[in-house]
């Protein structure tokens, strides 16, 4: 994999821009946005500034160029040290048709921290194409806007990843997660139910491996496959793939199809390892039976992983599932291109270098 440019670390008092590159939820539910903004500022000691179109509503869907303009404005502004997406969505890929070689040069020549998840995978791959490391993380409204405070594991991981230029080290595991949905137009002081977890599952592999991180949301990886921002075979060689699914809740067999596609392209056989986020997303209070049925499917995701890998002679490849990234809370940060080690014997995943300068 090519060596990616690292952005500078964050410091207390820095300006962080918010952008809506997908959904216009920040403009539609301003109360949630304001709550999340205040919580992020107070927790990390930074100052959030909105880009000109960040809080607009239907204009963002009708004109993707406005979203791209906001991203470029934030990147070119030297006073802004990081860019945080407000939320995901389902059509960030529409920005790609408006991007020229000049846009990628602007990203490359002005490296700065870029954060987000889900549909934002497309933006991460734009940064990757430009040669700049970005950060698969919680968004402002989902994760960092968690009711009653950001989970402590996220606070510490964010500080270690974005504010500290020493090696990140062993990634933390949470002993609980949140999937019980509370409507954002309700009060933000409703503490959401926590569910105990049995930890990360090291389902395959015996020896430690190292590789550089690349991946994102399964649906968006499929959507960008074949476009000019899709990584080259050289980028995939020796990489550690991290992948999770969206709240659309792909069935295990669909995930198996996704893996078959990677295998058919020659990518699967070249990977060093796979990290899989906890699947499923959130459930409403009246979806308890659906949630129970979904939880019963968890082992089938793992079965598909093992099955497809065996079909291509990759029984040796370390695989870790049920990890704390993606569409459940809390979420750890995964920096694109960071040298990472999976150690099946000690059951740890470690980032062996700093993610920022």
Protein backbone atom coordinates (compact mmCIF):
# COMPACT_ATOMS: atom_id res chain seq x y z
CA UNK A 1 0.00 0.00 0.00
CA UNK A 2 1.16 3.51 -0.74
CA UNK A 3 2.30 5.58 2.24
CA UNK A 4 -0.44 8.04 3.12
CA UNK A 5 0.18 11.60 4.29
CA UNK A 6 -0.68 12.09 7.96
CA UNK A 7 -2.45 15.27 9.10
CA UNK A 8 -1.34 17.33 12.08
CA UNK A 9 -2.75 16.49 15.48
CA UNK A 10 -5.51 18.44 17.16
CA UNK A 11 -4.84 20.83 20.02
CA UNK A 12 -7.06 22.52 22.57
CA UNK A 13 -8.74 25.57 21.06
CA UNK A 14 -8.48 24.36 17.45
CA UNK A 15 -11.27 24.98 14.96
CA UNK A 16 -13.22 21.94 13.72
CA UNK A 17 -15.50 22.35 10.70
CA UNK A 18 -18.78 20.45 10.41
CA UNK A 19 -20.02 19.38 7.00
CA UNK A 20 -23.09 17.56 5.69
CA UNK A 21 -21.78 15.51 2.77
CA UNK A 22 -24.70 13.07 2.79
CA UNK A 23 -27.99 13.53 4.64
CA UNK A 24 -29.30 16.96 5.60
CA UNK A 25 -30.32 15.68 9.05
CA UNK A 26 -28.37 18.44 10.84
CA UNK A 27 -30.65 21.06 9.29
CA UNK A 28 -33.80 19.01 9.78
CA UNK A 29 -33.16 18.25 13.47
CA UNK A 30 -31.27 21.36 14.67
CA UNK A 31 -31.81 20.50 18.32
CA UNK A 32 -29.79 17.32 17.98
CA UNK A 33 -27.06 19.15 16.08
CA UNK A 34 -26.75 21.88 18.72
CA UNK A 35 -26.65 19.29 21.51
CA UNK A 36 -23.96 17.25 19.78
CA UNK A 37 -21.95 20.35 18.91
CA UNK A 38 -21.93 21.57 22.51
CA UNK A 39 -21.02 18.11 23.80
CA UNK A 40 -18.11 17.71 21.38
CA UNK A 41 -16.76 21.19 22.12
CA UNK A 42 -16.91 20.77 25.89
CA UNK A 43 -15.46 17.25 25.84
CA UNK A 44 -12.45 17.96 23.61
CA UNK A 45 -11.83 21.67 24.14
CA UNK A 46 -12.21 22.66 20.49
CA UNK A 47 -14.44 25.14 18.66
CA UNK A 48 -16.88 23.92 16.00
CA UNK A 49 -17.69 26.09 13.00
CA UNK A 50 -20.33 25.23 10.39
CA UNK A 51 -19.53 25.45 6.71
CA UNK A 52 -21.91 27.64 4.67
CA UNK A 53 -24.18 24.79 3.54
CA UNK A 54 -23.78 22.47 6.51
CA UNK A 55 -27.24 23.14 7.97
CA UNK A 56 -29.24 23.45 4.77
CA UNK A 57 -31.94 20.88 4.01
CA UNK A 58 -33.40 19.98 0.62
CA UNK A 59 -30.80 22.08 -1.25
CA UNK A 60 -28.14 19.54 -0.28
CA UNK A 61 -29.92 16.70 -2.02
CA UNK A 62 -30.74 18.76 -5.09
CA UNK A 63 -27.22 20.13 -5.49
CA UNK A 64 -24.34 17.86 -4.41
CA UNK A 65 -21.95 20.57 -5.60
CA UNK A 66 -22.85 22.55 -2.45
CA UNK A 67 -21.59 19.67 -0.31
CA UNK A 68 -18.36 19.46 -2.26
CA UNK A 69 -17.95 23.23 -1.97
CA UNK A 70 -18.20 22.96 1.83
CA UNK A 71 -15.60 20.20 1.92
CA UNK A 72 -13.17 22.16 -0.23
CA UNK A 73 -13.77 25.37 1.75
CA UNK A 74 -12.89 23.57 4.98
CA UNK A 75 -9.84 21.90 3.48
CA UNK A 76 -8.42 25.12 2.04
CA UNK A 77 -8.99 27.18 5.20
CA UNK A 78 -5.70 27.09 7.17
CA UNK A 79 -7.47 28.05 10.40
CA UNK A 80 -9.50 24.81 10.33
CA UNK A 81 -7.60 21.83 11.73
CA UNK A 82 -10.19 19.05 11.38
CA UNK A 83 -13.39 18.25 9.50
CA UNK A 84 -16.21 16.30 11.16
CA UNK A 85 -19.21 14.99 9.22
CA UNK A 86 -22.59 15.64 10.81
CA UNK A 87 -24.12 12.32 9.77
CA UNK A 88 -24.06 9.69 7.03
CA UNK A 89 -26.74 9.05 4.44
CA UNK A 90 -26.92 7.22 1.14
CA UNK A 91 -25.66 9.34 -1.75
CA UNK A 92 -22.22 10.80 -0.99
CA UNK A 93 -21.01 9.03 -4.11
CA UNK A 94 -22.86 11.71 -6.13
CA UNK A 95 -20.08 14.14 -5.23
CA UNK A 96 -17.64 12.10 -7.27
CA UNK A 97 -18.97 13.24 -10.65
CA UNK A 98 -18.17 16.85 -9.64
CA UNK A 99 -14.60 16.10 -8.60
CA UNK A 100 -11.68 16.97 -10.85
CA UNK A 101 -7.99 16.23 -10.52
CA UNK A 102 -7.68 19.68 -8.95
CA UNK A 103 -9.96 18.67 -6.08
CA UNK A 104 -7.75 15.69 -5.26
CA UNK A 105 -4.69 17.94 -5.41
CA UNK A 106 -6.32 20.33 -2.93
CA UNK A 107 -6.89 17.43 -0.51
CA UNK A 108 -3.31 16.23 -0.94
CA UNK A 109 -1.75 19.66 -0.51
CA UNK A 110 -3.81 20.53 2.59
CA UNK A 111 -3.85 17.36 4.72
CA UNK A 112 -6.05 17.63 7.77
CA UNK A 113 -8.08 15.34 10.00
CA UNK A 114 -11.28 14.11 8.36
CA UNK A 115 -13.82 12.11 10.42
CA UNK A 116 -16.98 10.15 9.68
CA UNK A 117 -18.56 6.77 9.02
CA UNK A 118 -21.13 4.88 6.93
CA UNK A 119 -21.90 6.78 3.70
CA UNK A 120 -18.79 8.85 4.43
CA UNK A 121 -16.80 5.80 3.26
CA UNK A 122 -16.96 7.36 -0.21
CA UNK A 123 -15.28 10.51 1.12
CA UNK A 124 -12.63 8.46 2.87
CA UNK A 125 -11.80 6.76 -0.41
CA UNK A 126 -11.52 10.21 -2.02
CA UNK A 127 -8.92 11.10 0.61
CA UNK A 128 -7.23 7.74 0.09
CA UNK A 129 -7.10 8.37 -3.67
CA UNK A 130 -5.50 11.74 -2.94
CA UNK A 131 -2.90 10.03 -0.74
CA UNK A 132 -4.10 11.41 2.61
CA UNK A 133 -4.99 9.37 5.69
CA UNK A 134 -8.47 9.92 7.14
CA UNK A 135 -10.35 8.47 10.11
CA UNK A 136 -13.30 6.07 10.15
CA UNK A 137 -15.08 7.27 13.26
CA UNK A 138 -18.34 8.32 14.83
CA UNK A 139 -20.12 11.27 13.24
CA UNK A 140 -21.10 14.36 15.20
CA UNK A 141 -24.78 13.47 15.56
CA UNK A 142 -24.35 9.71 15.85
CA UNK A 143 -21.75 8.67 18.39
CA UNK A 144 -20.29 11.98 19.48
CA UNK A 145 -23.84 13.20 20.04
CA UNK A 146 -24.73 10.24 22.24
CA UNK A 147 -27.42 11.02 24.83
CA UNK A 148 -26.14 11.86 28.31
CA UNK A 149 -22.52 12.09 27.25
CA UNK A 150 -19.95 10.54 24.94
CA UNK A 151 -18.95 7.05 26.18
CA UNK A 152 -15.64 7.18 28.06
CA UNK A 153 -14.00 4.63 25.78
CA UNK A 154 -14.66 6.95 22.83
CA UNK A 155 -13.30 9.99 24.65
CA UNK A 156 -10.03 8.29 25.51
CA UNK A 157 -9.65 6.71 22.07
CA UNK A 158 -10.34 10.03 20.34
CA UNK A 159 -7.78 11.84 22.47
CA UNK A 160 -5.19 9.11 21.88
CA UNK A 161 -5.80 9.01 18.12
CA UNK A 162 -6.29 12.68 17.24
CA UNK A 163 -4.55 14.71 19.98
CA UNK A 164 -1.47 12.51 20.57
CA UNK A 165 1.29 11.90 18.03
CA UNK A 166 2.72 8.82 19.74
CA UNK A 167 1.86 5.26 18.60
CA UNK A 168 -1.78 4.44 19.36
CA UNK A 169 -1.11 0.92 20.65
CA UNK A 170 -3.68 -1.70 21.67
CA UNK A 171 -7.22 -0.72 20.68
CA UNK A 172 -9.72 -0.69 23.56
CA UNK A 173 -12.65 -3.09 23.77
CA UNK A 174 -15.97 -2.03 25.28
CA UNK A 175 -17.86 -4.37 27.59
CA UNK A 176 -21.21 -2.97 26.44
CA UNK A 177 -22.88 -1.48 23.40
CA UNK A 178 -26.01 0.45 22.46
CA UNK A 179 -28.52 -0.55 19.77
CA UNK A 180 -31.77 0.64 21.35
CA UNK A 181 -32.94 3.59 19.28
CA UNK A 182 -34.34 6.81 20.76
CA UNK A 183 -35.82 9.37 18.37
CA UNK A 184 -33.64 12.44 18.05
CA UNK A 185 -36.61 14.78 18.26
CA UNK A 186 -37.10 13.59 21.83
CA UNK A 187 -35.04 15.04 24.64
CA UNK A 188 -31.35 14.23 24.52
CA UNK A 189 -31.27 13.37 28.23
CA UNK A 190 -32.82 9.91 27.70
CA UNK A 191 -30.13 7.43 28.72
CA UNK A 192 -30.16 4.63 26.17
CA UNK A 193 -30.10 1.00 27.26
CA UNK A 194 -26.72 -0.71 27.38
CA UNK A 195 -26.27 -4.34 26.31
CA UNK A 196 -23.41 -6.48 27.60
CA UNK A 197 -21.06 -7.94 25.01
CA UNK A 198 -18.85 -11.01 25.12
CA UNK A 199 -16.02 -9.05 23.55
CA UNK A 200 -14.30 -9.30 20.20
CA UNK A 201 -14.30 -12.71 18.53
CA UNK A 202 -10.98 -13.95 17.16
CA UNK A 203 -12.53 -16.60 14.94
CA UNK A 204 -9.63 -17.56 12.71
CA UNK A 205 -5.83 -17.38 12.50
CA UNK A 206 -3.05 -18.32 14.89
CA UNK A 207 -0.05 -16.14 14.12
CA UNK A 208 0.19 -12.34 14.43
CA UNK A 209 -0.02 -10.42 11.15
CA UNK A 210 0.55 -6.81 10.20
CA UNK A 211 -0.98 -4.68 7.49
CA UNK A 212 -2.28 -1.21 6.72
CA UNK A 213 -5.96 -0.40 7.31
CA UNK A 214 -8.42 0.09 4.50
CA UNK A 215 -12.18 -0.45 4.37
CA UNK A 216 -15.46 1.09 5.51
CA UNK A 217 -19.17 0.37 5.20
CA UNK A 218 -19.94 -2.70 3.07
CA UNK A 219 -22.71 -1.05 1.06
CA UNK A 220 -20.51 1.93 0.17
CA UNK A 221 -17.53 -0.22 -0.68
CA UNK A 222 -19.79 -2.05 -3.12
CA UNK A 223 -21.12 1.27 -4.47
CA UNK A 224 -17.65 2.67 -5.17
CA UNK A 225 -16.20 -0.56 -6.57
CA UNK A 226 -14.96 0.16 -10.09
CA UNK A 227 -14.88 3.95 -9.74
CA UNK A 228 -11.67 5.96 -9.95
CA UNK A 229 -11.40 6.16 -6.14
CA UNK A 230 -11.41 2.37 -5.74
CA UNK A 231 -8.00 1.31 -4.34
CA UNK A 232 -5.53 -0.38 -6.67
CA UNK A 233 -4.42 -3.99 -6.30
CA UNK A 234 -1.12 -2.68 -4.95
CA UNK A 235 -3.08 -0.88 -2.20
CA UNK A 236 -4.89 -4.08 -1.24
CA UNK A 237 -1.79 -6.25 -1.13
CA UNK A 238 -0.98 -7.01 2.51
CA UNK A 239 -3.75 -4.71 3.79
CA UNK A 240 -6.06 -5.34 6.73
CA UNK A 241 -9.66 -4.90 5.62
CA UNK A 242 -12.09 -3.40 8.12
CA UNK A 243 -15.75 -3.65 7.18
CA UNK A 244 -19.20 -3.18 8.73
CA UNK A 245 -22.74 -3.02 7.45
CA UNK A 246 -25.28 -0.21 7.65
CA UNK A 247 -28.64 0.03 9.39
CA UNK A 248 -30.13 -1.57 6.26
CA UNK A 249 -29.04 -4.83 7.92
CA UNK A 250 -27.66 -6.91 5.11
CA UNK A 251 -28.27 -10.60 5.71
CA UNK A 252 -25.24 -12.84 6.26
CA UNK A 253 -25.56 -14.28 2.75
CA UNK A 254 -25.26 -10.78 1.25
CA UNK A 255 -22.07 -10.28 3.19
CA UNK A 256 -20.87 -13.59 1.78
CA UNK A 257 -21.60 -12.24 -1.72
CA UNK A 258 -19.55 -9.15 -0.92
CA UNK A 259 -16.61 -11.34 0.08
CA UNK A 260 -17.02 -13.43 -3.07
CA UNK A 261 -16.74 -10.24 -5.12
CA UNK A 262 -13.48 -9.32 -3.37
CA UNK A 263 -12.21 -12.83 -3.95
CA UNK A 264 -13.14 -12.77 -7.64
CA UNK A 265 -11.17 -9.53 -8.00
CA UNK A 266 -8.11 -11.12 -6.40
CA UNK A 267 -8.33 -8.93 -3.30
CA UNK A 268 -9.23 -11.52 -0.67
CA UNK A 269 -6.19 -13.68 -1.33
CA UNK A 270 -3.92 -10.64 -0.90
CA UNK A 271 -5.25 -9.43 2.47
CA UNK A 272 -3.35 -9.90 5.74
CA UNK A 273 -6.47 -9.90 7.92
CA UNK A 274 -10.10 -8.84 8.33
CA UNK A 275 -11.77 -6.75 11.06
CA UNK A 276 -15.57 -6.93 11.17
CA UNK A 277 -17.73 -4.42 13.05
CA UNK A 278 -20.75 -5.44 15.08
CA UNK A 279 -23.58 -5.66 12.50
CA UNK A 280 -27.17 -4.54 12.59
CA UNK A 281 -27.53 -0.93 13.67
CA UNK A 282 -30.27 0.27 16.02
CA UNK A 283 -33.70 -1.09 16.92
CA UNK A 284 -36.80 0.70 18.21
CA UNK A 285 -38.54 -0.34 21.42
CA UNK A 286 -41.31 -2.05 19.42
CA UNK A 287 -38.79 -4.10 17.43
CA UNK A 288 -37.71 -6.41 20.22
CA UNK A 289 -38.62 -9.60 18.40
CA UNK A 290 -36.86 -8.38 15.27
CA UNK A 291 -33.83 -7.53 17.37
CA UNK A 292 -33.80 -11.00 18.90
CA UNK A 293 -34.00 -12.58 15.46
CA UNK A 294 -31.18 -10.38 14.28
CA UNK A 295 -28.94 -11.25 17.22
CA UNK A 296 -29.49 -14.92 16.40
CA UNK A 297 -27.94 -14.27 12.97
CA UNK A 298 -24.61 -12.99 14.31
CA UNK A 299 -22.91 -16.41 14.08
CA UNK A 300 -23.96 -16.71 10.43
CA UNK A 301 -21.84 -13.67 9.53
CA UNK A 302 -18.86 -15.44 11.02
CA UNK A 303 -19.77 -18.67 9.23
CA UNK A 304 -19.80 -16.83 5.91
CA UNK A 305 -16.43 -15.25 6.63
CA UNK A 306 -14.83 -18.59 7.39
CA UNK A 307 -16.58 -20.36 4.51
CA UNK A 308 -15.55 -17.91 1.79
CA UNK A 309 -11.98 -17.67 3.10
CA UNK A 310 -11.73 -21.48 3.02
CA UNK A 311 -12.93 -21.53 -0.59
CA UNK A 312 -9.91 -19.43 -1.53
CA UNK A 313 -7.35 -21.14 0.69
CA UNK A 314 -7.24 -18.40 3.33
CA UNK A 315 -7.90 -20.46 6.44
CA UNK A 316 -4.71 -18.96 7.85
CA UNK A 317 -5.88 -15.34 7.75
CA UNK A 318 -6.70 -13.78 11.15
CA UNK A 319 -10.29 -12.55 11.41
CA UNK A 320 -11.77 -10.53 14.28
CA UNK A 321 -15.52 -9.93 14.54
CA UNK A 322 -17.99 -8.18 16.86
CA UNK A 323 -15.70 -5.15 17.01
CA UNK A 324 -16.60 -1.67 18.30
CA UNK A 325 -16.90 0.29 15.08
CA UNK A 326 -19.77 0.99 12.73
CA UNK A 327 -23.47 1.47 13.40
CA UNK A 328 -23.52 0.75 17.12
CA UNK A 329 -22.18 2.86 19.98
CA UNK A 330 -19.42 3.14 21.19
CA UNK A 331 -17.12 3.40 18.17
CA UNK A 332 -13.35 3.33 18.10
CA UNK A 333 -11.44 5.21 15.39
CA UNK A 334 -9.70 3.38 12.54
CA UNK A 335 -7.14 5.49 10.62
CA UNK A 336 -6.79 4.64 6.94
CA UNK A 337 -3.31 3.43 6.05
CA UNK A 338 -2.18 2.98 9.66
CA UNK A 339 0.11 0.01 10.26
CA UNK A 340 -1.90 -2.41 12.38
CA UNK A 341 -1.29 -5.78 14.01
CA UNK A 342 -3.79 -8.55 14.70
CA UNK A 343 -2.53 -10.91 17.41
CA UNK A 344 -4.85 -13.95 17.68
CA UNK A 345 -2.83 -15.50 20.51
CA UNK A 346 -3.12 -12.50 22.84
CA UNK A 347 -6.47 -11.47 21.34
CA UNK A 348 -5.44 -7.89 20.62
CA UNK A 349 -5.61 -5.47 17.71
CA UNK A 350 -2.96 -2.76 17.87
CA UNK A 351 -2.12 0.28 15.77
CA UNK A 352 1.65 0.34 15.74
CA UNK A 353 2.20 3.97 14.82
CA UNK A 354 0.78 7.41 15.38
CA UNK A 355 -2.07 8.53 13.14
CA UNK A 356 -1.16 12.24 13.29
CA UNK A 357 1.98 14.37 13.21
